[in-house]
C-alpha atoms as a PDB file:
ATOM      1  CA  UNK A   1     -21.402  -1.978  -9.549  1.00  0.00           C
ATOM      2  CA  UNK A   2     -21.363  -5.790  -9.695  1.00  0.00           C
ATOM      3  CA  UNK A   3     -22.345  -8.243  -6.962  1.00  0.00           C
ATOM      4  CA  UNK A   4     -19.902 -11.100  -6.491  1.00  0.00           C
ATOM      5  CA  UNK A   5     -18.969 -13.688  -3.877  1.00  0.00           C
ATOM      6  CA  UNK A   6     -15.553 -14.001  -2.250  1.00  0.00           C
ATOM      7  CA  UNK A   7     -16.145 -17.735  -1.610  1.00  0.00           C
ATOM      8  CA  UNK A   8     -18.615 -18.819  -4.309  1.00  0.00           C
ATOM      9  CA  UNK A   9     -17.932 -22.517  -3.666  1.00  0.00           C
ATOM     10  CA  UNK A  10     -19.806 -22.146  -0.373  1.00  0.00           C
ATOM     11  CA  UNK A  11     -23.014 -21.711  -2.368  1.00  0.00           C
ATOM     12  CA  UNK A  12     -22.827 -25.441  -3.167  1.00  0.00           C
ATOM     13  CA  UNK A  13     -24.116 -25.980   0.378  1.00  0.00           C
ATOM     14  CA  UNK A  14     -27.482 -24.633  -0.811  1.00  0.00           C
ATOM     15  CA  UNK A  15     -27.933 -27.969  -2.600  1.00  0.00           C
ATOM     16  CA  UNK A  16     -28.314 -29.589   0.832  1.00  0.00           C
ATOM     17  CA  UNK A  17     -31.468 -27.628   1.610  1.00  0.00           C
ATOM     18  CA  UNK A  18     -33.832 -29.758  -0.554  1.00  0.00           C
ATOM     19  CA  UNK A  19     -32.402 -32.891   1.096  1.00  0.00           C
ATOM     20  CA  UNK A  20     -33.002 -31.381   4.542  1.00  0.00           C
ATOM     21  CA  UNK A  21     -36.548 -30.454   3.527  1.00  0.00           C
ATOM     22  CA  UNK A  22     -37.235 -34.004   2.329  1.00  0.00           C
ATOM     23  CA  UNK A  23     -35.803 -35.590   5.484  1.00  0.00           C
ATOM     24  CA  UNK A  24     -37.724 -33.219   7.768  1.00  0.00           C
ATOM     25  CA  UNK A  25     -40.956 -33.811   5.912  1.00  0.00           C
ATOM     26  CA  UNK A  26     -40.912 -37.612   5.653  1.00  0.00           C
ATOM     27  CA  UNK A  27     -41.149 -38.396   9.354  1.00  0.00           C
ATOM     28  CA  UNK A  28     -42.926 -36.832  12.329  1.00  0.00           C
ATOM     29  CA  UNK A  29     -41.948 -36.686  15.969  1.00  0.00           C
ATOM     30  CA  UNK A  30     -41.668 -39.884  17.966  1.00  0.00           C
ATOM     31  CA  UNK A  31     -44.774 -40.495  20.114  1.00  0.00           C
ATOM     32  CA  UNK A  32     -44.289 -39.952  23.833  1.00  0.00           C
ATOM     33  CA  UNK A  33     -47.014 -42.455  24.812  1.00  0.00           C
ATOM     34  CA  UNK A  34     -47.812 -45.676  22.943  1.00  0.00           C
ATOM     35  CA  UNK A  35     -51.433 -46.696  22.439  1.00  0.00           C
ATOM     36  CA  UNK A  36     -52.826 -49.951  21.142  1.00  0.00           C
ATOM     37  CA  UNK A  37     -54.971 -47.872  18.841  1.00  0.00           C
ATOM     38  CA  UNK A  38     -54.953 -44.190  18.028  1.00  0.00           C
ATOM     39  CA  UNK A  39     -58.309 -44.263  16.284  1.00  0.00           C
ATOM     40  CA  UNK A  40     -60.129 -42.596  19.197  1.00  0.00           C
ATOM     41  CA  UNK A  41     -57.679 -39.680  19.222  1.00  0.00           C
ATOM     42  CA  UNK A  42     -57.477 -39.142  15.476  1.00  0.00           C
ATOM     43  CA  UNK A  43     -60.339 -36.698  15.416  1.00  0.00           C
ATOM     44  CA  UNK A  44     -58.737 -34.265  17.835  1.00  0.00           C
ATOM     45  CA  UNK A  45     -55.087 -34.840  17.019  1.00  0.00           C
ATOM     46  CA  UNK A  46     -53.017 -32.506  14.878  1.00  0.00           C
ATOM     47  CA  UNK A  47     -50.819 -34.283  12.346  1.00  0.00           C
ATOM     48  CA  UNK A  48     -47.309 -34.901  13.676  1.00  0.00           C
ATOM     49  CA  UNK A  49     -45.956 -34.664  10.220  1.00  0.00           C
ATOM     50  CA  UNK A  50     -45.486 -31.510   8.248  1.00  0.00           C
ATOM     51  CA  UNK A  51     -44.490 -31.264   4.629  1.00  0.00           C
ATOM     52  CA  UNK A  52     -41.597 -29.276   3.131  1.00  0.00           C
ATOM     53  CA  UNK A  53     -43.972 -26.354   2.659  1.00  0.00           C
ATOM     54  CA  UNK A  54     -44.762 -26.003   6.357  1.00  0.00           C
ATOM     55  CA  UNK A  55     -44.124 -22.592   7.857  1.00  0.00           C
ATOM     56  CA  UNK A  56     -41.697 -23.875  10.502  1.00  0.00           C
ATOM     57  CA  UNK A  57     -39.684 -25.815   7.981  1.00  0.00           C
ATOM     58  CA  UNK A  58     -39.717 -22.893   5.590  1.00  0.00           C
ATOM     59  CA  UNK A  59     -38.268 -20.598   8.251  1.00  0.00           C
ATOM     60  CA  UNK A  60     -35.608 -23.137   9.194  1.00  0.00           C
ATOM     61  CA  UNK A  61     -34.537 -23.582   5.586  1.00  0.00           C
ATOM     62  CA  UNK A  62     -34.627 -19.835   4.970  1.00  0.00           C
ATOM     63  CA  UNK A  63     -32.354 -19.229   7.953  1.00  0.00           C
ATOM     64  CA  UNK A  64     -29.904 -21.914   6.833  1.00  0.00           C
ATOM     65  CA  UNK A  65     -29.923 -20.563   3.288  1.00  0.00           C
ATOM     66  CA  UNK A  66     -29.140 -17.047   4.503  1.00  0.00           C
ATOM     67  CA  UNK A  67     -26.264 -18.414   6.612  1.00  0.00           C
ATOM     68  CA  UNK A  68     -24.818 -20.147   3.557  1.00  0.00           C
ATOM     69  CA  UNK A  69     -25.059 -16.917   1.547  1.00  0.00           C
ATOM     70  CA  UNK A  70     -23.319 -15.009   4.349  1.00  0.00           C
ATOM     71  CA  UNK A  71     -20.589 -17.662   4.420  1.00  0.00           C
ATOM     72  CA  UNK A  72     -20.018 -17.113   0.688  1.00  0.00           C
ATOM     73  CA  UNK A  73     -19.301 -13.401   1.451  1.00  0.00           C
ATOM     74  CA  UNK A  74     -21.373 -11.395  -1.022  1.00  0.00           C
ATOM     75  CA  UNK A  75     -19.684  -8.100  -1.828  1.00  0.00           C
ATOM     76  CA  UNK A  76     -19.759  -5.193  -4.248  1.00  0.00           C
ATOM     77  CA  UNK A  77     -16.545  -3.715  -5.628  1.00  0.00           C
ATOM     78  CA  UNK A  78     -16.212  -0.063  -4.681  1.00  0.00           C
ATOM     79  CA  UNK A  79     -12.988   0.752  -6.507  1.00  0.00           C
ATOM     80  CA  UNK A  80      -9.236   0.457  -6.292  1.00  0.00           C
ATOM     81  CA  UNK A  81      -7.063   1.388  -3.391  1.00  0.00           C
ATOM     82  CA  UNK A  82      -3.322   1.548  -2.875  1.00  0.00           C
ATOM     83  CA  UNK A  83      -1.027   0.006  -0.356  1.00  0.00           C
ATOM     84  CA  UNK A  84       0.240   3.059   1.512  1.00  0.00           C
ATOM     85  CA  UNK A  85       1.036   1.124   4.654  1.00  0.00           C
ATOM     86  CA  UNK A  86       4.670   0.761   3.616  1.00  0.00           C
ATOM     87  CA  UNK A  87       6.878   3.510   2.312  1.00  0.00           C
ATOM     88  CA  UNK A  88       9.871   3.423   0.026  1.00  0.00           C
ATOM     89  CA  UNK A  89      13.596   3.573   0.698  1.00  0.00           C
ATOM     90  CA  UNK A  90      15.240   6.809  -0.438  1.00  0.00           C
ATOM     91  CA  UNK A  91      18.962   7.518  -0.356  1.00  0.00           C
ATOM     92  CA  UNK A  92      19.875  11.177  -0.696  1.00  0.00           C
ATOM     93  CA  UNK A  93      23.212  11.345  -2.535  1.00  0.00           C
ATOM     94  CA  UNK A  94      24.440  14.881  -1.892  1.00  0.00           C
ATOM     95  CA  UNK A  95      27.377  16.864  -3.210  1.00  0.00           C
ATOM     96  CA  UNK A  96      29.463  18.380  -0.404  1.00  0.00           C
ATOM     97  CA  UNK A  97      32.169  19.803  -2.642  1.00  0.00           C
ATOM     98  CA  UNK A  98      33.414  23.334  -1.945  1.00  0.00           C
ATOM     99  CA  UNK A  99      31.264  24.884  -4.695  1.00  0.00           C
ATOM    100  CA  UNK A 100      28.108  24.029  -2.681  1.00  0.00           C
ATOM    101  CA  UNK A 101      29.124  26.908  -0.381  1.00  0.00           C
ATOM    102  CA  UNK A 102      28.370  29.407  -3.167  1.00  0.00           C
ATOM    103  CA  UNK A 103      25.745  31.887  -1.795  1.00  0.00           C
ATOM    104  CA  UNK A 104      23.570  32.239  -4.900  1.00  0.00           C
ATOM    105  CA  UNK A 105      20.214  30.952  -3.591  1.00  0.00           C
ATOM    106  CA  UNK A 106      17.571  33.103  -1.892  1.00  0.00           C
ATOM    107  CA  UNK A 107      15.515  31.863   1.078  1.00  0.00           C
ATOM    108  CA  UNK A 108      12.998  34.182   2.746  1.00  0.00           C
ATOM    109  CA  UNK A 109      14.625  37.183   1.055  1.00  0.00           C
ATOM    110  CA  UNK A 110      18.127  36.311   2.237  1.00  0.00           C
ATOM    111  CA  UNK A 111      21.082  35.042   0.248  1.00  0.00           C
ATOM    112  CA  UNK A 112      22.144  31.573   1.355  1.00  0.00           C
ATOM    113  CA  UNK A 113      24.512  28.911   0.102  1.00  0.00           C
ATOM    114  CA  UNK A 114      23.411  26.153  -2.208  1.00  0.00           C
ATOM    115  CA  UNK A 115      23.909  23.658   0.597  1.00  0.00           C
ATOM    116  CA  UNK A 116      21.732  25.640   3.002  1.00  0.00           C
ATOM    117  CA  UNK A 117      18.952  25.861   0.425  1.00  0.00           C
ATOM    118  CA  UNK A 118      19.275  22.141  -0.298  1.00  0.00           C
ATOM    119  CA  UNK A 119      19.030  21.245   3.391  1.00  0.00           C
ATOM    120  CA  UNK A 120      15.828  23.281   3.724  1.00  0.00           C
ATOM    121  CA  UNK A 121      14.161  21.700   0.684  1.00  0.00           C
ATOM    122  CA  UNK A 122      15.171  18.191   1.765  1.00  0.00           C
ATOM    123  CA  UNK A 123      13.707  18.875   5.219  1.00  0.00           C
ATOM    124  CA  UNK A 124      10.381  19.868   3.659  1.00  0.00           C
ATOM    125  CA  UNK A 125      10.460  16.809   1.391  1.00  0.00           C
ATOM    126  CA  UNK A 126      11.190  14.428   4.279  1.00  0.00           C
ATOM    127  CA  UNK A 127       8.384  15.911   6.397  1.00  0.00           C
ATOM    128  CA  UNK A 128       5.917  14.899   3.694  1.00  0.00           C
ATOM    129  CA  UNK A 129       7.170  11.272   3.632  1.00  0.00           C
ATOM    130  CA  UNK A 130       6.704   9.959   7.204  1.00  0.00           C
ATOM    131  CA  UNK A 131       6.515   6.316   6.084  1.00  0.00           C
ATOM    132  CA  UNK A 132       9.667   6.373   3.944  1.00  0.00           C
ATOM    133  CA  UNK A 133      13.057   5.332   5.217  1.00  0.00           C
ATOM    134  CA  UNK A 134      15.551   8.064   4.437  1.00  0.00           C
ATOM    135  CA  UNK A 135      19.320   7.687   4.219  1.00  0.00           C
ATOM    136  CA  UNK A 136      22.025  10.177   3.231  1.00  0.00           C
ATOM    137  CA  UNK A 137      25.346   9.651   1.469  1.00  0.00           C
ATOM    138  CA  UNK A 138      27.535  12.736   1.205  1.00  0.00           C
ATOM    139  CA  UNK A 139      30.393  12.990  -1.227  1.00  0.00           C
ATOM    140  CA  UNK A 140      33.293  15.206  -2.132  1.00  0.00           C
ATOM    141  CA  UNK A 141      36.531  13.488  -3.147  1.00  0.00           C
ATOM    142  CA  UNK A 142      35.122  10.337  -1.509  1.00  0.00           C
ATOM    143  CA  UNK A 143      31.645   9.243  -0.427  1.00  0.00           C
ATOM    144  CA  UNK A 144      30.797   8.916   3.247  1.00  0.00           C
ATOM    145  CA  UNK A 145      27.757   7.945   5.278  1.00  0.00           C
ATOM    146  CA  UNK A 146      25.816  10.849   6.750  1.00  0.00           C
ATOM    147  CA  UNK A 147      22.790   8.832   7.886  1.00  0.00           C
ATOM    148  CA  UNK A 148      21.769   5.192   7.337  1.00  0.00           C
ATOM    149  CA  UNK A 149      18.274   4.374   6.112  1.00  0.00           C
ATOM    150  CA  UNK A 150      15.979   5.261   8.976  1.00  0.00           C
ATOM    151  CA  UNK A 151      12.461   6.299   9.908  1.00  0.00           C
ATOM    152  CA  UNK A 152      13.999   8.621  12.504  1.00  0.00           C
ATOM    153  CA  UNK A 153      13.941  11.580  10.170  1.00  0.00           C
ATOM    154  CA  UNK A 154      14.893  14.015  12.933  1.00  0.00           C
ATOM    155  CA  UNK A 155      18.180  12.149  13.356  1.00  0.00           C
ATOM    156  CA  UNK A 156      18.824  12.180   9.604  1.00  0.00           C
ATOM    157  CA  UNK A 157      18.199  15.935   9.419  1.00  0.00           C
ATOM    158  CA  UNK A 158      20.451  16.577  12.412  1.00  0.00           C
ATOM    159  CA  UNK A 159      23.350  14.698  10.820  1.00  0.00           C
ATOM    160  CA  UNK A 160      22.718  16.487   7.517  1.00  0.00           C
ATOM    161  CA  UNK A 161      22.979  19.847   9.297  1.00  0.00           C
ATOM    162  CA  UNK A 162      26.388  18.860  10.682  1.00  0.00           C
ATOM    163  CA  UNK A 163      27.925  17.788   7.342  1.00  0.00           C
ATOM    164  CA  UNK A 164      30.617  20.087   5.942  1.00  0.00           C
ATOM    165  CA  UNK A 165      32.033  20.670   2.467  1.00  0.00           C
ATOM    166  CA  UNK A 166      35.466  19.744   1.113  1.00  0.00           C
ATOM    167  CA  UNK A 167      37.228  19.322  -2.252  1.00  0.00           C
ATOM    168  CA  UNK A 168      36.478  16.911  -5.103  1.00  0.00           C
ATOM    169  CA  UNK A 169      33.356  15.446  -6.720  1.00  0.00           C
ATOM    170  CA  UNK A 170      33.068  11.631  -6.763  1.00  0.00           C
ATOM    171  CA  UNK A 171      29.592  11.151  -8.250  1.00  0.00           C
ATOM    172  CA  UNK A 172      30.011   7.537  -9.378  1.00  0.00           C
ATOM    173  CA  UNK A 173      31.545   6.308  -6.120  1.00  0.00           C
ATOM    174  CA  UNK A 174      28.750   7.981  -4.129  1.00  0.00           C
ATOM    175  CA  UNK A 175      26.042   6.329  -6.248  1.00  0.00           C
ATOM    176  CA  UNK A 176      27.622   2.930  -5.707  1.00  0.00           C
ATOM    177  CA  UNK A 177      27.902   3.514  -1.942  1.00  0.00           C
ATOM    178  CA  UNK A 178      24.211   4.460  -1.797  1.00  0.00           C
ATOM    179  CA  UNK A 179      23.311   1.385  -3.860  1.00  0.00           C
ATOM    180  CA  UNK A 180      25.052  -0.854  -1.309  1.00  0.00           C
ATOM    181  CA  UNK A 181      22.909   0.643   1.441  1.00  0.00           C
ATOM    182  CA  UNK A 182      19.723   0.122  -0.570  1.00  0.00           C
ATOM    183  CA  UNK A 183      20.684  -3.425  -1.565  1.00  0.00           C
ATOM    184  CA  UNK A 184      20.627  -4.481   2.094  1.00  0.00           C
ATOM    185  CA  UNK A 185      17.107  -3.108   2.645  1.00  0.00           C
ATOM    186  CA  UNK A 186      13.826  -4.938   2.088  1.00  0.00           C
ATOM    187  CA  UNK A 187      11.935  -1.950   0.690  1.00  0.00           C
ATOM    188  CA  UNK A 188       9.395  -2.487  -2.074  1.00  0.00           C
ATOM    189  CA  UNK A 189      10.811   0.494  -3.970  1.00  0.00           C
ATOM    190  CA  UNK A 190      14.350   1.908  -3.880  1.00  0.00           C
ATOM    191  CA  UNK A 191      15.391   5.356  -5.027  1.00  0.00           C
ATOM    192  CA  UNK A 192      18.411   7.629  -5.123  1.00  0.00           C
ATOM    193  CA  UNK A 193      18.083  11.399  -5.372  1.00  0.00           C
ATOM    194  CA  UNK A 194      21.463  12.614  -6.604  1.00  0.00           C
ATOM    195  CA  UNK A 195      22.288  16.322  -6.242  1.00  0.00           C
ATOM    196  CA  UNK A 196      25.466  17.924  -7.589  1.00  0.00           C
ATOM    197  CA  UNK A 197      26.601  21.257  -8.957  1.00  0.00           C
ATOM    198  CA  UNK A 198      29.631  19.974 -10.826  1.00  0.00           C
ATOM    199  CA  UNK A 199      30.977  17.192 -13.002  1.00  0.00           C
ATOM    200  CA  UNK A 200      32.534  14.110 -11.491  1.00  0.00           C
ATOM    201  CA  UNK A 201      36.320  14.451 -11.343  1.00  0.00           C
ATOM    202  CA  UNK A 202      37.385  11.506  -9.210  1.00  0.00           C
ATOM    203  CA  UNK A 203      36.408   7.987  -8.207  1.00  0.00           C
ATOM    204  CA  UNK A 204      34.341   5.455 -10.178  1.00  0.00           C
ATOM    205  CA  UNK A 205      33.083   6.597 -13.616  1.00  0.00           C
ATOM    206  CA  UNK A 206      29.428   7.678 -13.108  1.00  0.00           C
ATOM    207  CA  UNK A 207      28.068   5.734 -16.103  1.00  0.00           C
ATOM    208  CA  UNK A 208      29.651   2.509 -14.839  1.00  0.00           C
ATOM    209  CA  UNK A 209      28.091   3.185 -11.450  1.00  0.00           C
ATOM    210  CA  UNK A 210      24.722   3.884 -13.092  1.00  0.00           C
ATOM    211  CA  UNK A 211      24.751   0.488 -14.817  1.00  0.00           C
ATOM    212  CA  UNK A 212      25.550  -1.252 -11.539  1.00  0.00           C
ATOM    213  CA  UNK A 213      22.768   0.669  -9.779  1.00  0.00           C
ATOM    214  CA  UNK A 214      20.271  -0.181 -12.528  1.00  0.00           C
ATOM    215  CA  UNK A 215      21.004  -3.897 -12.110  1.00  0.00           C
ATOM    216  CA  UNK A 216      19.793  -3.592  -8.521  1.00  0.00           C
ATOM    217  CA  UNK A 217      16.467  -2.119  -9.678  1.00  0.00           C
ATOM    218  CA  UNK A 218      17.238   1.300  -8.173  1.00  0.00           C
ATOM    219  CA  UNK A 219      15.983   4.472  -9.844  1.00  0.00           C
ATOM    220  CA  UNK A 220      18.153   7.563  -9.776  1.00  0.00           C
ATOM    221  CA  UNK A 221      16.817  11.118 -10.001  1.00  0.00           C
ATOM    222  CA  UNK A 222      19.810  13.374 -10.734  1.00  0.00           C
ATOM    223  CA  UNK A 223      19.464  17.082  -9.958  1.00  0.00           C
ATOM    224  CA  UNK A 224      22.047  19.504 -11.307  1.00  0.00           C
ATOM    225  CA  UNK A 225      22.376  22.872  -9.601  1.00  0.00           C
ATOM    226  CA  UNK A 226      23.265  25.517 -12.171  1.00  0.00           C
ATOM    227  CA  UNK A 227      24.664  29.018 -12.043  1.00  0.00           C
ATOM    228  CA  UNK A 228      21.953  31.587 -12.780  1.00  0.00           C
ATOM    229  CA  UNK A 229      23.619  32.640 -16.041  1.00  0.00           C
ATOM    230  CA  UNK A 230      24.782  29.152 -17.006  1.00  0.00           C
ATOM    231  CA  UNK A 231      23.652  27.744 -20.358  1.00  0.00           C
ATOM    232  CA  UNK A 232      21.801  24.439 -20.174  1.00  0.00           C
ATOM    233  CA  UNK A 233      23.407  23.051 -23.347  1.00  0.00           C
ATOM    234  CA  UNK A 234      22.484  19.784 -25.059  1.00  0.00           C
ATOM    235  CA  UNK A 235      20.641  17.850 -22.394  1.00  0.00           C
ATOM    236  CA  UNK A 236      20.738  14.551 -24.302  1.00  0.00           C
ATOM    237  CA  UNK A 237      24.511  14.359 -24.007  1.00  0.00           C
ATOM    238  CA  UNK A 238      24.648  15.447 -20.402  1.00  0.00           C
ATOM    239  CA  UNK A 239      26.143  12.955 -17.952  1.00  0.00           C
ATOM    240  CA  UNK A 240      23.316  13.374 -15.434  1.00  0.00           C
ATOM    241  CA  UNK A 241      20.720  12.807 -18.139  1.00  0.00           C
ATOM    242  CA  UNK A 242      22.424   9.587 -19.178  1.00  0.00           C
ATOM    243  CA  UNK A 243      22.449   8.399 -15.572  1.00  0.00           C
ATOM    244  CA  UNK A 244      18.694   9.007 -15.371  1.00  0.00           C
ATOM    245  CA  UNK A 245      18.069   7.129 -18.614  1.00  0.00           C
ATOM    246  CA  UNK A 246      20.120   4.111 -17.543  1.00  0.00           C
ATOM    247  CA  UNK A 247      18.358   3.841 -14.168  1.00  0.00           C
ATOM    248  CA  UNK A 248      14.798   4.688 -15.351  1.00  0.00           C
ATOM    249  CA  UNK A 249      14.813   7.928 -13.397  1.00  0.00           C
ATOM    250  CA  UNK A 250      14.449  11.533 -14.553  1.00  0.00           C
ATOM    251  CA  UNK A 251      16.953  14.371 -14.849  1.00  0.00           C
ATOM    252  CA  UNK A 252      16.296  17.844 -13.408  1.00  0.00           C
ATOM    253  CA  UNK A 253      18.060  21.197 -13.290  1.00  0.00           C
ATOM    254  CA  UNK A 254      17.665  23.954 -10.720  1.00  0.00           C
ATOM    255  CA  UNK A 255      18.880  27.554 -10.730  1.00  0.00           C
ATOM    256  CA  UNK A 256      16.974  28.854  -7.713  1.00  0.00           C
ATOM    257  CA  UNK A 257      15.016  27.873  -4.613  1.00  0.00           C
ATOM    258  CA  UNK A 258      11.637  27.707  -6.333  1.00  0.00           C
ATOM    259  CA  UNK A 259      12.993  25.374  -8.999  1.00  0.00           C
ATOM    260  CA  UNK A 260      14.575  23.136  -6.372  1.00  0.00           C
ATOM    261  CA  UNK A 261      11.308  22.903  -4.413  1.00  0.00           C
ATOM    262  CA  UNK A 262       9.386  22.165  -7.600  1.00  0.00           C
ATOM    263  CA  UNK A 263      11.808  19.375  -8.523  1.00  0.00           C
ATOM    264  CA  UNK A 264      11.417  17.617  -5.182  1.00  0.00           C
ATOM    265  CA  UNK A 265       7.622  17.905  -5.474  1.00  0.00           C
ATOM    266  CA  UNK A 266       7.768  16.338  -8.938  1.00  0.00           C
ATOM    267  CA  UNK A 267       9.966  13.512  -7.678  1.00  0.00           C
ATOM    268  CA  UNK A 268       7.482  12.929  -4.868  1.00  0.00           C
ATOM    269  CA  UNK A 269       4.637  12.692  -7.384  1.00  0.00           C
ATOM    270  CA  UNK A 270       6.633  10.363  -9.651  1.00  0.00           C
ATOM    271  CA  UNK A 271       7.479   8.035  -6.776  1.00  0.00           C
ATOM    272  CA  UNK A 272       3.858   7.864  -5.679  1.00  0.00           C
ATOM    273  CA  UNK A 273       3.045   6.763  -9.220  1.00  0.00           C
ATOM    274  CA  UNK A 274       5.698   4.050  -9.219  1.00  0.00           C
ATOM    275  CA  UNK A 275       4.811   2.850  -5.743  1.00  0.00           C
ATOM    276  CA  UNK A 276       1.100   2.756  -6.439  1.00  0.00           C
ATOM    277  CA  UNK A 277       1.509   0.281  -9.251  1.00  0.00           C
ATOM    278  CA  UNK A 278       0.835  -2.251  -6.482  1.00  0.00           C
ATOM    279  CA  UNK A 279      -2.888  -1.613  -6.210  1.00  0.00           C
ATOM    280  CA  UNK A 280      -5.718  -3.777  -4.988  1.00  0.00           C
ATOM    281  CA  UNK A 281      -9.485  -3.770  -5.196  1.00  0.00           C
ATOM    282  CA  UNK A 282     -11.641  -2.794  -2.249  1.00  0.00           C
ATOM    283  CA  UNK A 283     -15.178  -3.982  -1.588  1.00  0.00           C
ATOM    284  CA  UNK A 284     -18.294  -3.173   0.345  1.00  0.00           C
ATOM    285  CA  UNK A 285     -18.862  -6.381   2.286  1.00  0.00           C
ATOM    286  CA  UNK A 286     -22.536  -7.425   2.308  1.00  0.00           C
ATOM    287  CA  UNK A 287     -22.171 -10.637   4.346  1.00  0.00           C
ATOM    288  CA  UNK A 288     -23.365  -9.044   7.647  1.00  0.00           C
ATOM    289  CA  UNK A 289     -26.828  -8.486   6.163  1.00  0.00           C
ATOM    290  CA  UNK A 290     -27.720 -12.121   5.319  1.00  0.00           C
ATOM    291  CA  UNK A 291     -26.028 -13.205   8.571  1.00  0.00           C
ATOM    292  CA  UNK A 292     -28.191 -10.835  10.616  1.00  0.00           C
ATOM    293  CA  UNK A 293     -31.301 -11.864   8.651  1.00  0.00           C
ATOM    294  CA  UNK A 294     -30.498 -15.550   9.248  1.00  0.00           C
ATOM    295  CA  UNK A 295     -30.116 -14.928  12.978  1.00  0.00           C
ATOM    296  CA  UNK A 296     -33.438 -13.086  13.143  1.00  0.00           C
ATOM    297  CA  UNK A 297     -35.265 -15.806  11.183  1.00  0.00           C
ATOM    298  CA  UNK A 298     -33.851 -18.697  13.252  1.00  0.00           C
ATOM    299  CA  UNK A 299     -34.384 -16.928  16.576  1.00  0.00           C
ATOM    300  CA  UNK A 300     -37.916 -15.995  15.474  1.00  0.00           C
ATOM    301  CA  UNK A 301     -38.680 -19.592  14.474  1.00  0.00           C
ATOM    302  CA  UNK A 302     -37.384 -20.847  17.824  1.00  0.00           C
ATOM    303  CA  UNK A 303     -39.482 -18.288  19.722  1.00  0.00           C
ATOM    304  CA  UNK A 304     -42.631 -19.244  17.812  1.00  0.00           C
ATOM    305  CA  UNK A 305     -41.922 -22.942  18.344  1.00  0.00           C
ATOM    306  CA  UNK A 306     -41.755 -22.363  22.095  1.00  0.00           C
ATOM    307  CA  UNK A 307     -44.867 -20.155  22.238  1.00  0.00           C
ATOM    308  CA  UNK A 308     -47.502 -19.977  19.511  1.00  0.00           C
ATOM    309  CA  UNK A 309     -46.500 -23.269  17.915  1.00  0.00           C
ATOM    310  CA  UNK A 310     -45.832 -25.106  21.162  1.00  0.00           C
ATOM    311  CA  UNK A 311     -46.988 -28.730  20.919  1.00  0.00           C
ATOM    312  CA  UNK A 312     -47.555 -31.258  23.628  1.00  0.00           C
ATOM    313  CA  UNK A 313     -47.239 -34.985  22.875  1.00  0.00           C
END
């Protein structure tokens, strides 16, 4: 724990204190009554002058010195903190092809479609990110806007619940549409979470779209929904994996509800890590203490000057 000053240049004002002491000590108060000779009064008079070591002067200088120290803002670093006041912009890029209606996920002991399970997990994810703007691009043969980037998460979830499936899988076109939405935002961090259960079969080639998205500084987290008995194959050559590598994201695969929930939790943790790269130091501010001490000293000196140390000319 190290003491430091936020405005150390203010401490240069301490150099004025010796000059003040010298000026206050070299001359006394002006006489109220002039006499032709003060010899008769010298025996009973108290000296009008007081040197730099006088108690009154000492208290005055001490009070001024403490004020200067308070002005310099002494502080002790207490650690690092993170700027959580602003969230990130997240575009959900969701597959609404017909295969998402396959009822092979289990929620609360009941068989549900992939899309139903996905909606539930996204709802849980969004509830944990109240400061993030969430947008949704749906895609089948073509991409379309489900919800713009918004902090009104209830609206986004309502529009997601109304979206319906159709034919085709245009992964690349959907990524590019989501990138256009993110490009117009002023978020400090921009992310796409891409979910699909099939290969792209129409629209812009996904790898071309990934390169365009990467140029905008947008990370993509692709999630592939697999059949329970489907082989994972060589992940290095997988299209979704290549998209993640190009955009500095991470590729995931899910075969059931637990895996899907775990993936969204991992993405949440990863994004906190990226976002928290913007960290700043926090301090325990000590300036109130010398300021209060200075006030007490100066008020005390004034009180003594008007009472115990009261002088009459």
